[in-house]
Protein backbone atom coordinates (compact mmCIF):
# COMPACT_ATOMS: atom_id res chain seq x y z
CA ALA A 1 0.00 0.00 0.00
CA MET A 2 2.85 2.43 0.75
CA LEU A 3 4.75 1.71 -2.46
CA HIS A 4 1.79 1.71 -4.86
CA PRO A 5 -1.17 3.36 -3.10
CA SER A 6 -3.14 4.07 -6.27
CA ASN A 7 -2.94 0.47 -7.48
CA THR A 8 -3.72 -0.91 -4.03
CA PHE A 9 -6.74 1.31 -3.45
CA THR A 10 -8.03 0.73 -7.01
CA THR A 11 -7.87 -3.01 -6.31
CA ILE A 12 -9.80 -2.48 -3.08
CA LYS A 13 -12.48 -0.50 -4.95
CA GLU A 14 -12.85 -2.50 -8.14
CA LYS A 15 -12.02 -6.07 -7.12
CA LYS A 16 -13.38 -5.82 -3.56
CA LYS A 17 -10.00 -6.89 -2.17
CA GLY A 18 -8.71 -5.73 1.15
CA SER A 19 -9.58 -7.16 4.50
CA LEU A 20 -11.43 -5.65 7.42
CA VAL A 21 -9.53 -8.07 9.68
CA ILE A 22 -6.19 -6.71 8.50
CA ALA A 23 -7.54 -3.18 8.85
CA GLY A 24 -8.61 -3.95 12.42
CA VAL A 25 -5.21 -5.48 13.18
CA LEU A 26 -3.49 -2.38 11.78
CA LEU A 27 -5.69 -0.17 13.95
CA ALA A 28 -4.84 -2.26 17.03
CA VAL A 29 -1.12 -2.16 16.15
CA TYR A 30 -1.39 1.62 15.74
CA TYR A 31 -2.85 1.91 19.24
CA VAL A 32 -0.26 -0.44 20.79
CA SER A 33 2.65 1.30 19.03
CA THR A 34 1.38 4.67 20.24
CA VAL A 35 1.18 3.40 23.83
CA LEU A 36 4.64 1.84 23.61
CA ARG A 37 6.12 5.01 22.13
CA GLU A 38 4.69 7.08 24.97
CA LEU A 39 5.68 4.58 27.69
CA TYR A 40 9.07 3.34 26.56
CA GLY A 41 10.42 6.15 24.41
CA GLY A 42 13.74 7.61 25.51
CA PHE A 43 13.48 9.79 28.59
CA LEU A 44 15.09 12.71 26.76
CA PHE A 45 12.26 12.84 24.22
CA THR A 46 9.13 11.69 26.05
CA TYR A 47 7.09 13.26 28.80
CA TYR A 48 5.93 10.07 30.45
CA ASP A 49 4.56 10.46 33.97
CA ALA A 50 3.54 7.21 35.64
CA GLY A 51 1.10 9.04 37.92
CA SER A 52 -0.88 10.68 35.13
CA PHE A 53 -0.57 8.19 32.25
CA ASN A 54 -3.89 6.82 31.07
CA SER A 55 -4.02 4.28 28.25
CA LEU A 56 -7.72 5.05 27.70
CA TRP A 57 -6.78 8.61 26.81
CA VAL A 58 -4.24 7.24 24.31
CA LEU A 59 -7.01 5.02 22.92
CA VAL A 60 -9.21 8.09 22.42
CA LYS A 61 -6.36 10.02 20.79
CA SER A 62 -5.48 7.19 18.41
CA ALA A 63 -7.95 4.42 17.58
CA ALA A 64 -11.17 6.21 18.57
CA LEU A 65 -10.16 9.25 16.53
CA VAL A 66 -9.56 7.02 13.50
CA GLY A 67 -12.96 5.37 14.03
CA LEU A 68 -14.64 8.76 14.29
CA TRP A 69 -12.90 9.85 11.06
CA ILE A 70 -14.19 6.74 9.27
CA ILE A 71 -17.79 7.26 10.38
CA CYS A 72 -17.83 11.01 9.73
CA ASN A 73 -16.23 10.60 6.31
CA TRP A 74 -18.81 8.00 5.37
CA LEU A 75 -21.63 10.30 6.50
CA ILE A 76 -20.27 13.36 4.68
CA CYS A 77 -19.39 11.49 1.49
CA SER A 78 -22.82 9.86 1.42
CA LEU A 79 -24.30 13.34 1.30
CA THR A 80 -21.85 14.70 -1.26
CA GLY A 81 -22.09 11.90 -3.80
CA GLY A 82 -19.10 9.79 -2.82
CA ASN A 83 -19.01 6.26 -4.16
CA GLY A 84 -17.08 4.71 -1.25
CA ARG A 85 -18.75 2.30 1.11
CA LEU A 86 -18.07 2.19 4.84
CA ARG A 87 -16.00 -0.98 4.44
CA GLU A 88 -13.77 0.65 1.80
CA ILE A 89 -13.33 3.82 3.86
CA ALA A 90 -12.28 1.77 6.89
CA ILE A 91 -9.81 -0.31 4.89
CA VAL A 92 -8.25 2.68 3.13
CA THR A 93 -7.95 4.63 6.38
CA CYS A 94 -6.38 1.76 8.32
CA TYR A 95 -4.03 0.79 5.49
CA SER A 96 -2.93 4.43 5.35
CA LEU A 97 -1.85 4.17 9.01
CA ILE A 98 1.14 2.00 8.03
CA PRO A 99 3.62 4.94 7.79
CA ILE A 100 2.52 6.22 11.21
CA ILE A 101 2.91 2.73 12.72
CA LEU A 102 6.41 2.46 11.25
CA ASN A 103 7.15 5.97 12.53
CA ASN A 104 6.02 5.01 16.05
CA VAL A 105 8.30 1.95 16.06
CA LEU A 106 11.21 3.95 14.63
CA GLN A 107 10.65 6.75 17.16
CA LEU A 108 10.56 4.17 19.96
CA VAL A 109 13.93 2.78 18.92
CA LEU A 110 15.65 6.04 17.99
CA THR A 111 14.60 8.00 21.08
CA ASN A 112 16.48 5.43 23.16
CA VAL A 113 19.63 5.83 21.03
CA LEU A 114 19.85 9.48 19.92
CA MET A 115 20.83 12.51 21.95
CA THR A 116 18.83 15.72 22.24
CA ASP A 117 21.11 17.43 19.72
CA GLU A 118 19.93 14.90 17.12
CA ALA A 119 16.22 15.61 17.64
CA ALA A 120 16.02 17.17 14.17
CA PHE A 121 16.33 13.69 12.65
CA LEU A 122 13.30 12.55 14.63
CA ASN A 123 11.33 15.59 13.50
CA ILE A 124 12.22 14.92 9.85
CA ILE A 125 11.20 11.26 10.11
CA ASN A 126 7.97 12.25 11.86
CA THR A 127 7.13 14.85 9.22
CA VAL A 128 7.85 12.47 6.33
CA ALA A 129 5.68 9.75 7.90
CA TYR A 130 2.71 12.10 8.31
CA LEU A 131 3.13 13.47 4.78
CA ILE A 132 3.08 9.91 3.38
CA PHE A 133 -0.01 9.21 5.52
CA ILE A 134 -1.80 12.29 4.14
CA LEU A 135 -0.76 11.37 0.59
CA MET A 136 -2.09 7.82 1.01
CA ILE A 137 -5.37 9.08 2.49
CA ALA A 138 -5.75 11.57 -0.37
CA ILE A 139 -5.05 9.01 -3.08
CA GLY A 140 -7.22 6.39 -1.37
CA PHE A 141 -10.24 8.63 -0.93
CA MET A 142 -9.97 10.10 -4.41
CA VAL A 143 -9.98 6.54 -5.79
CA ILE A 144 -12.77 5.01 -3.68
CA HIS A 145 -15.06 8.05 -3.79
CA ASP A 146 -14.19 8.91 -7.41
CA TYR A 147 -13.37 12.51 -6.42
CA GLY A 148 -11.01 15.11 -7.77
CA PHE A 149 -8.50 16.73 -5.43
CA GLY A 150 -10.66 19.79 -4.75
CA LYS A 151 -13.68 17.72 -3.76
CA PHE A 152 -11.44 15.54 -1.57
CA VAL A 153 -10.19 18.61 0.30
CA GLY A 154 -13.73 19.94 0.69
CA THR A 155 -15.11 16.69 2.04
CA SER A 156 -12.11 16.32 4.35
CA VAL A 157 -12.77 19.75 5.83
CA LEU A 158 -16.44 18.85 6.26
CA THR A 159 -15.41 15.53 7.85
CA ILE A 160 -13.20 17.31 10.38
CA LEU A 161 -16.03 19.77 11.10
CA ALA A 162 -18.44 16.85 11.63
CA MET A 163 -15.90 15.22 13.97
CA ALA A 164 -15.68 18.43 16.00
CA ILE A 165 -19.47 18.67 16.24
CA ILE A 166 -19.78 15.05 17.37
CA VAL A 167 -17.05 15.49 19.99
CA PHE A 168 -18.75 18.67 21.23
CA LEU A 169 -22.10 16.89 21.50
CA LEU A 170 -20.52 13.93 23.32
CA ILE A 171 -18.85 16.25 25.82
CA LEU A 172 -22.12 18.12 26.29
CA LEU A 173 -23.97 14.83 26.84
CA LEU A 174 -21.33 13.69 29.33
CA ILE A 175 -21.67 16.93 31.30
CA LEU A 176 -25.47 16.64 31.32
CA VAL A 177 -25.32 13.02 32.53
CA GLN A 178 -22.83 14.01 35.22
CA GLN A 179 -25.06 16.84 36.43
CA LEU A 180 -28.13 14.60 36.37
CA THR A 181 -26.41 11.91 38.46
CA GLY A 182 -25.22 14.59 40.90
CA PHE A 183 -28.75 15.96 41.17
CA LEU A 184 -30.27 12.49 41.66
CA SER A 185 -27.70 11.53 44.31
CA THR A 186 -28.39 14.78 46.18
CA LEU A 187 -32.14 14.14 45.92
CA ILE A 188 -31.73 10.60 47.27
CA MET A 189 -29.59 11.87 50.15
CA GLU A 190 -32.22 14.45 51.05
CA PHE A 191 -35.00 11.83 51.03
CA THR A 192 -33.00 9.43 53.18
CA MET A 193 -32.35 12.14 55.78
CA ILE A 194 -36.04 12.94 56.22
C-alpha cells in the first residue's frame, strides 16, 4: 500500500480486495505502538509520567479518533455523492496508518539511542511519515469516492467539522449526565435524611 497506493486502493475499490480483519489489526497495532512510544520512548524525548498516564486517553487520541474519522467521512461522502462504502473507507484509512505505525516503532527505537542534539532527525522522520499518511489518504479517498483533489479537500474539511461537532455533542452529553447523576444523588440523600 505504501509503495503503490493508487494500485492498491483501485484493487480495493474495483475487485473488492482488502480485509477488514487486516484493517482492524493495523488499527490495534497503531494503538499499541502509540502506547509503547509514549511509555518506553527515551526519557530525553518523552514526557511520560507514571502518575498521570492513562491508556484510555491514548485510545481516544489514536484508535477512537480514526474510528470517528471513518464514520464522519462515510456520513459526509454519502451526502456529497461519494461512491465509497463504509467498508472501503475503513480499509483505506487503516491501510494508510502504516507509515505512522512504522514511525512510532522507529521513534521508539531512535529515542532510546539518539541525543537531544539529534532531535532534528526525529522531527524529519515524523514529518515524512505524516506526509506519506496524508498522501495515502488523499489518493485512497480520491480513488474510492471517485473525487477530484478539490472535492477531496472539501469533504475532508467537512469531515473534520463533523468530527468536531460530534465530539462537542458527546462532551455536552457527558456533562449533562454528570449533572443529572449529581442531582439524583443529592435528591436521594435528602429523602433518606427525612
